[in-house]
Protein backbone atom coordinates (compact mmCIF):
# COMPACT_ATOMS: atom_id res chain seq x y z
CA MET A 1 37.30 1.43 27.74
CA SER A 2 40.98 0.57 27.98
CA GLN A 3 42.69 -1.27 30.84
CA LYS A 4 41.57 -0.41 34.40
CA ASN A 5 38.43 1.13 32.91
CA LEU A 6 40.27 4.33 32.07
CA PRO A 7 39.60 5.89 28.66
CA ALA A 8 42.39 6.45 26.17
CA VAL A 9 41.19 9.99 25.40
CA SER A 10 39.31 12.59 27.41
CA LEU A 11 37.36 15.23 25.50
CA VAL A 12 36.51 18.36 27.46
CA ALA A 13 33.97 20.91 26.23
CA PRO A 14 32.07 23.70 28.01
CA THR A 15 28.57 24.65 26.94
CA TYR A 16 26.92 28.02 27.27
CA ASN A 17 23.91 28.96 25.16
CA VAL A 18 24.88 26.85 22.15
CA GLU A 19 21.56 25.08 21.56
CA LYS A 20 21.81 25.79 17.82
CA TYR A 21 25.10 23.90 17.55
CA VAL A 22 25.58 21.45 20.42
CA GLU A 23 23.73 18.53 18.81
CA GLN A 24 26.01 18.66 15.76
CA PHE A 25 29.01 18.74 18.07
CA LEU A 26 27.74 15.70 20.00
CA ASP A 27 26.97 13.85 16.78
CA SER A 28 30.51 14.46 15.53
CA VAL A 29 31.82 12.79 18.69
CA LEU A 30 29.33 9.92 18.53
CA ASN A 31 30.33 9.21 14.93
CA GLN A 32 34.01 8.73 15.71
CA THR A 33 35.77 5.67 14.30
CA PHE A 34 37.54 5.45 17.70
CA ASP A 35 35.37 4.75 20.75
CA ASP A 36 37.82 4.50 23.67
CA TYR A 37 37.06 7.96 25.03
CA GLU A 38 35.12 9.91 27.63
CA LEU A 39 33.33 13.19 26.92
CA ILE A 40 33.06 15.70 29.76
CA ILE A 41 30.57 18.51 29.19
CA ILE A 42 30.54 21.42 31.64
CA ASP A 43 27.42 23.55 31.38
CA ASP A 44 28.15 27.10 32.52
CA CYS A 45 24.57 27.96 33.56
CA SER A 46 23.13 28.12 30.05
CA THR A 47 19.87 30.06 29.80
CA ASP A 48 18.74 28.22 26.67
CA ARG A 49 18.18 24.49 26.02
CA SER A 50 21.88 23.56 25.80
CA ALA A 51 21.96 21.45 28.97
CA GLU A 52 18.62 19.81 28.15
CA LEU A 53 19.88 18.80 24.70
CA VAL A 54 23.11 17.39 26.16
CA GLU A 55 21.10 15.35 28.69
CA SER A 56 19.05 13.88 25.85
CA TYR A 57 22.25 12.37 24.43
CA ILE A 58 23.57 10.72 27.61
CA ASP A 59 22.15 7.25 26.95
CA ARG A 60 23.48 7.26 23.39
CA PHE A 61 27.04 7.54 24.71
CA ASP A 62 26.78 4.29 26.73
CA GLY A 63 28.39 5.71 29.85
CA ARG A 64 31.11 7.63 28.02
CA MET A 65 29.66 11.09 28.66
CA ARG A 66 29.37 13.14 31.84
CA LEU A 67 27.46 16.39 32.19
CA ILE A 68 28.60 18.75 34.93
CA LYS A 69 26.34 21.70 35.73
CA ARG A 70 27.96 24.72 37.33
CA ASP A 71 26.07 26.62 40.02
CA ARG A 72 27.21 30.03 38.80
CA ASN A 73 28.21 31.36 35.40
CA SER A 74 31.97 31.91 35.18
CA GLY A 75 31.83 34.69 32.60
CA GLY A 76 34.16 32.85 30.23
CA ASP A 77 35.26 29.39 29.12
CA ALA A 78 38.52 29.04 31.08
CA ILE A 79 37.02 27.92 34.41
CA PRO A 80 34.70 25.29 32.85
CA LYS A 81 37.57 23.93 30.76
CA ASN A 82 39.89 23.78 33.77
CA THR A 83 37.14 21.96 35.66
CA GLY A 84 36.87 19.42 32.87
CA ILE A 85 40.64 18.92 32.75
CA ALA A 86 40.70 18.26 36.51
CA LEU A 87 37.93 15.65 36.14
CA SER A 88 39.47 13.94 33.11
CA ARG A 89 40.95 10.44 33.35
CA GLY A 90 42.26 9.67 29.86
CA LYS A 91 45.83 9.21 28.75
CA TYR A 92 45.29 12.01 26.25
CA LEU A 93 43.30 15.19 26.33
CA LEU A 94 41.42 17.15 23.68
CA ILE A 95 39.87 20.49 24.70
CA LEU A 96 37.09 21.59 22.38
CA ASP A 97 34.39 24.21 21.92
CA SER A 98 30.87 22.81 21.84
CA ASP A 99 29.81 24.93 18.88
CA ASP A 100 32.45 23.30 16.68
CA MET A 101 32.82 19.81 15.23
CA ILE A 102 35.58 17.25 14.71
CA SER A 103 36.18 15.01 11.73
CA LYS A 104 34.99 11.40 11.85
CA THR A 105 38.53 9.97 12.14
CA ALA A 106 39.93 12.69 14.43
CA LEU A 107 40.42 10.63 17.60
CA GLU A 108 41.70 7.58 15.73
CA GLU A 109 44.33 9.61 13.89
CA LEU A 110 45.40 11.75 16.85
CA TYR A 111 45.68 8.78 19.20
CA ARG A 112 47.77 6.80 16.72
CA ILE A 113 50.18 9.68 16.09
CA ALA A 114 50.52 10.41 19.80
CA GLU A 115 51.32 6.76 20.53
CA ASP A 116 53.79 6.55 17.65
CA THR A 117 55.64 9.76 18.52
CA GLY A 118 55.41 9.83 22.33
CA ALA A 119 54.58 13.52 22.08
CA ASP A 120 53.51 15.75 24.96
CA VAL A 121 51.70 17.95 22.45
CA LEU A 122 50.48 17.34 18.90
CA HIS A 123 50.05 20.61 17.04
CA ALA A 124 47.76 20.70 13.99
CA GLU A 125 48.76 23.46 11.58
CA ARG A 126 45.44 23.82 9.77
CA TYR A 127 41.74 23.68 10.50
CA LEU A 128 38.42 23.97 8.67
CA THR A 129 36.03 26.85 9.12
CA THR A 130 32.50 27.88 8.14
CA ASP A 131 29.89 30.42 9.20
CA ALA A 132 27.01 28.01 8.49
CA ASP A 133 24.59 27.26 11.33
CA VAL A 134 24.02 23.75 9.99
CA ILE A 135 26.93 21.75 8.62
CA ASP A 136 26.43 18.77 6.33
CA GLU A 137 28.31 17.09 3.50
CA SER A 138 27.37 19.88 1.09
CA THR A 139 28.57 22.72 3.35
CA PRO A 140 31.61 24.48 1.86
CA LEU A 141 34.51 24.44 4.31
CA GLU A 142 37.53 26.69 4.07
CA THR A 143 40.97 25.53 5.20
CA LYS A 144 42.60 28.10 7.47
CA THR A 145 46.06 28.45 8.93
CA SER A 146 48.47 31.05 10.22
CA GLU A 147 49.65 33.29 7.41
CA SER A 148 53.14 33.09 8.90
CA VAL A 149 53.55 29.37 8.19
CA GLU A 150 55.33 29.14 4.85
CA LYS A 151 55.59 25.36 4.61
CA PHE A 152 53.40 22.74 6.21
CA VAL A 153 54.63 19.37 7.42
CA VAL A 154 53.50 16.33 5.45
CA GLU A 155 54.22 13.92 8.30
CA PRO A 156 54.55 14.25 12.10
CA THR A 157 57.60 16.45 12.70
CA GLU A 158 59.17 17.16 16.06
CA VAL A 159 59.89 20.80 16.86
CA THR A 160 63.40 21.58 18.09
CA ASP A 161 63.87 21.24 21.85
CA ASP A 162 66.04 24.38 21.84
CA LEU A 163 63.84 26.83 23.76
CA ALA A 164 65.49 29.88 22.21
CA GLU A 165 64.58 28.59 18.74
CA ARG A 166 61.05 27.78 19.87
CA MET A 167 60.63 31.34 21.15
CA LYS A 168 61.83 32.78 17.85
CA LEU A 169 59.18 30.71 16.07
CA TYR A 170 56.53 31.67 18.64
CA VAL A 171 57.00 35.43 18.28
CA ARG A 172 56.94 35.10 14.49
CA SER A 173 53.48 33.48 14.76
CA LYS A 174 54.68 30.14 13.44
CA PHE A 175 52.36 28.32 15.85
CA PHE A 176 48.61 28.54 16.16
CA TRP A 177 47.77 29.23 19.77
CA PHE A 178 44.20 27.86 19.66
CA HIS A 179 43.97 25.07 22.25
CA TRP A 180 41.49 23.12 20.08
CA SER A 181 44.18 22.67 17.43
CA LYS A 182 46.21 20.51 19.83
CA PHE A 183 46.14 17.04 21.34
CA PHE A 184 47.80 16.76 24.76
CA ARG A 185 49.20 14.01 26.91
CA ARG A 186 47.09 14.53 30.02
CA ASP A 187 49.91 13.80 32.49
CA PHE A 188 51.91 16.59 30.86
CA ILE A 189 49.12 19.14 31.41
CA VAL A 190 48.20 18.04 34.92
CA GLY A 191 51.78 17.35 36.05
CA ASN A 192 52.89 20.84 35.04
CA ARG A 193 49.71 22.43 36.48
CA ILE A 194 48.96 24.14 33.18
CA GLU A 195 45.57 25.86 33.25
CA LEU A 196 43.75 28.38 31.10
CA PRO A 197 43.85 31.79 32.81
CA ASN A 198 40.46 33.38 33.45
CA LEU A 199 40.55 36.07 30.76
CA PRO A 200 37.66 37.41 28.62
CA ALA A 201 39.57 36.30 25.49
CA SER A 202 42.99 34.96 24.47
CA SER A 203 43.34 32.63 27.46
CA ASP A 204 44.65 29.99 25.06
CA LEU A 205 47.46 32.34 23.97
CA VAL A 206 48.89 32.06 27.49
CA PHE A 207 47.98 28.38 27.82
CA SER A 208 49.65 27.40 24.55
CA PHE A 209 52.74 29.47 25.36
CA LYS A 210 53.25 27.48 28.56
CA CYS A 211 52.78 24.23 26.68
CA LEU A 212 55.36 25.23 24.07
CA CYS A 213 57.86 26.12 26.80
CA LEU A 214 57.38 23.01 28.94
CA ALA A 215 56.81 20.22 26.39
CA LYS A 216 59.81 17.93 26.01
CA LYS A 217 58.40 16.64 22.74
CA TYR A 218 56.26 19.04 20.69
CA VAL A 219 55.17 17.60 17.35
CA ARG A 220 53.67 19.38 14.33
CA ILE A 221 51.19 17.26 12.41
CA PRO A 222 49.47 17.56 9.00
CA THR A 223 46.14 16.28 10.34
CA VAL A 224 43.14 18.57 9.75
CA PHE A 225 40.49 17.54 12.26
CA ASN A 226 38.66 20.56 13.72
CA VAL A 227 35.76 22.39 12.08
CA TYR A 228 35.64 25.86 13.61
CA ARG A 229 32.36 27.73 13.34
CA THR A 230 32.74 31.49 13.07
CA ARG A 231 30.00 33.33 14.89
CA GLY A 232 29.41 36.58 16.76
CA GLY A 233 30.86 35.65 20.13
CA SER A 234 34.39 37.06 19.88
CA MET A 235 35.43 40.54 21.00
CA THR A 236 36.04 41.58 17.43
CA ARG A 237 32.49 40.64 16.42
CA GLN A 238 30.60 41.88 19.47
CA ASN A 239 28.95 45.27 19.25
CA LEU A 240 30.40 46.51 22.54
CA SER A 241 30.47 50.07 23.82
CA PRO A 242 33.98 51.64 23.94
CA GLU A 243 33.98 51.32 27.73
CA SER A 244 33.00 47.63 27.68
CA TYR A 245 35.48 46.92 24.92
CA ILE A 246 38.37 48.56 26.76
CA LYS A 247 37.35 46.82 29.99
CA LYS A 248 37.79 43.45 28.29
CA TRP A 249 40.94 44.55 26.48
CA ALA A 250 42.53 45.82 29.71
CA ALA A 251 41.88 42.48 31.41
CA ILE A 252 43.53 40.64 28.51
CA LEU A 253 46.48 43.04 28.49
CA ILE A 254 47.14 43.43 32.21
CA ASP A 255 45.99 40.13 33.73
CA GLY A 256 47.25 38.10 30.78
CA LEU A 257 50.67 39.76 30.84
CA ASN A 258 50.91 39.27 34.60
CA GLU A 259 50.18 35.57 34.08
CA MET A 260 52.95 35.38 31.46
CA GLU A 261 55.37 37.25 33.73
CA HIS A 262 54.70 35.02 36.74
CA PHE A 263 55.31 31.97 34.58
CA MET A 264 58.56 33.35 33.15
CA ASP A 265 59.71 34.27 36.68
CA GLU A 266 59.73 30.54 37.44
CA GLN A 267 61.62 29.48 34.31
CA THR A 268 65.41 29.56 34.47
CA PHE A 269 65.65 30.15 30.73
CA PHE A 270 63.78 33.47 30.90
CA VAL A 271 65.56 34.58 34.07
CA GLU A 272 68.92 34.05 32.38
CA ASN A 273 67.81 35.34 28.96
CA PRO A 274 66.05 38.72 29.32
CA LYS A 275 66.27 39.19 25.55
CA TYR A 276 63.80 36.36 24.96
CA ARG A 277 61.64 37.48 27.85
CA PHE A 278 61.28 40.90 26.21
CA MET A 279 60.54 39.24 22.85
CA VAL A 280 57.69 37.25 24.41
CA ARG A 281 56.39 40.29 26.28
CA ASP A 282 56.46 42.34 23.08
CA TYR A 283 54.61 39.63 21.14
CA TYR A 284 51.89 39.26 23.77
CA ILE A 285 51.30 43.01 24.08
CA GLN A 286 51.26 43.45 20.30
CA GLN A 287 48.58 40.75 20.08
CA ALA A 288 46.54 42.54 22.74
CA PHE A 289 46.86 45.88 20.95
CA HIS A 290 45.45 44.42 17.72
CA TRP A 291 42.00 44.82 19.26
CA THR A 292 42.36 48.56 19.86
CA ASP A 293 42.80 49.69 16.23
CA ARG A 294 39.09 49.88 15.52
CA LEU A 295 38.46 52.03 18.61
CA TYR A 296 40.80 54.81 17.58
CA ARG A 297 38.91 55.11 14.31
CA LYS A 298 35.67 55.75 16.21
CA VAL A 299 36.54 57.35 19.57
CA SER A 300 38.80 60.29 20.40
CA PRO A 301 42.16 59.55 22.09
CA ALA A 302 41.12 61.75 25.03
CA ALA A 303 37.95 59.75 25.64
CA ILE A 304 39.84 56.47 25.38
CA ASP A 305 42.51 57.80 27.76
CA ARG A 306 39.94 58.46 30.48
CA ILE A 307 38.50 54.94 30.17
CA VAL A 308 41.95 53.33 30.16
CA GLN A 309 42.97 55.25 33.28
CA ARG A 310 39.92 53.94 35.14
CA GLU A 311 40.62 50.39 34.02
CA PHE A 312 44.28 50.54 35.00
CA GLU A 313 43.28 51.83 38.43
CA ARG A 314 40.74 49.02 38.74
CA HIS A 315 43.52 46.51 38.08
CA GLY A 316 45.68 48.10 40.78
CA GLY A 317 47.74 50.07 38.26
CA ALA A 318 49.65 48.58 35.35
CA SER A 319 52.27 45.97 36.17
CA ILE A 320 55.93 46.96 36.33
CA ALA A 321 56.56 44.81 33.26
CA LEU A 322 53.83 46.62 31.31
CA GLN A 323 54.99 50.07 32.43
CA SER A 324 58.59 49.41 31.45
CA TYR A 325 57.52 47.95 28.12
CA LEU A 326 55.28 50.91 27.27
CA PHE A 327 58.09 53.34 28.15
CA SER A 328 60.54 51.47 25.93
CA PHE A 329 57.91 51.04 23.20
CA ALA A 330 57.01 54.76 23.13
CA ASN A 331 60.65 55.87 23.00
CA LEU A 332 61.63 53.29 20.40
CA TYR A 333 58.82 54.33 18.07
CA ARG A 334 59.53 58.00 18.73
CA ALA A 335 63.16 57.44 17.71
CA GLN A 336 62.03 55.56 14.58
CA LEU A 337 59.60 58.37 13.73
CA VAL A 338 62.33 61.00 14.15
CA GLU A 339 64.63 59.01 11.88
CA THR A 340 61.87 58.54 9.28
CA ARG A 341 61.19 62.27 9.28
CA ARG A 342 64.90 62.98 8.89
CA GLN A 343 65.14 60.66 5.90
CA LEU A 344 61.95 62.15 4.41
CA GLY A 345 63.45 65.64 4.79
CA GLN A 346 66.62 64.54 3.02
CA LEU A 347 64.53 63.05 0.20
CA LYS A 348 62.51 66.27 -0.19
CA ARG A 349 65.68 68.37 -0.31
CA SER A 350 67.21 65.99 -2.81
CA VAL A 351 64.14 66.22 -5.07
CA GLY A 352 64.04 70.00 -4.66
CA ASN A 353 67.66 70.30 -5.68
CA GLY A 354 67.06 68.20 -8.78
CA ASP A 355 69.22 65.33 -7.59
CA HIS A 356 68.50 61.87 -8.97
């Protein structure tokens, strides 16, 4: 441990029914070339052997690991992760998923860059992925990134501190919003009371947005350190009924947007710049609507409408921000459709008249 027995880095990871993967995750932490860390595992009432397997590793970590067992399942990973953040003591913070892995030199590299740059947030632009249950040296790993990033940094590069420019980059998907692709200064997270909202998915979209807005020094890095395991836990991979799917989607849309709106209410920039507030609102809602495409190919609009009405009522009605956006959105697209039809009509008449 570093001075005053406080670790340099705190790693926070929830566990819930990941017995197939948690040992590989723990091994990837044990094998780090940097050992000045603490690992906080929060078990969210697993019904398999996840907690038992974690307990079997405690002695191997020589006092650097704590296992916290929740009394009641939270229904998501936000509450366990927030619990771990509150318990953390390190100078820096890495929030991970316990079915993933990190590279052997991850902590050494991230700590060095953070110390050299004085960053509030280090933002890795790429990560590795696989669908393999067991990962070893022969496992093929694919490098993934956001398709919107045209050019990657080759050295730590500070993002502009102009918030308007940051928001333009954000709504163009120039930043990954996965929390596990970032390395945080803990005082920045705790001091600004940044938490993951309790949503069924996309809580890190809101979390990362707040970090991007509040960080004085936000640094993009070329380091590739996280191995993300694709498996059937996401909304897009679950075989949910239309009602269950829309229930989750409505929570992401309504509760997530309300969280964004409350945050922007407190930020002078967004109060004084409604243009950027609308841009952020539009981006968030568009991300939420990505999950509805598959439903409309399987379920009639009338059936979906009935389910959505029930969900909106359950959430106390849609927020004012959502209502105003949907009104503007519907009329904007109606105007664009009218104009497209007008241009199509002109083209048909031109072709019919033999014009070239």
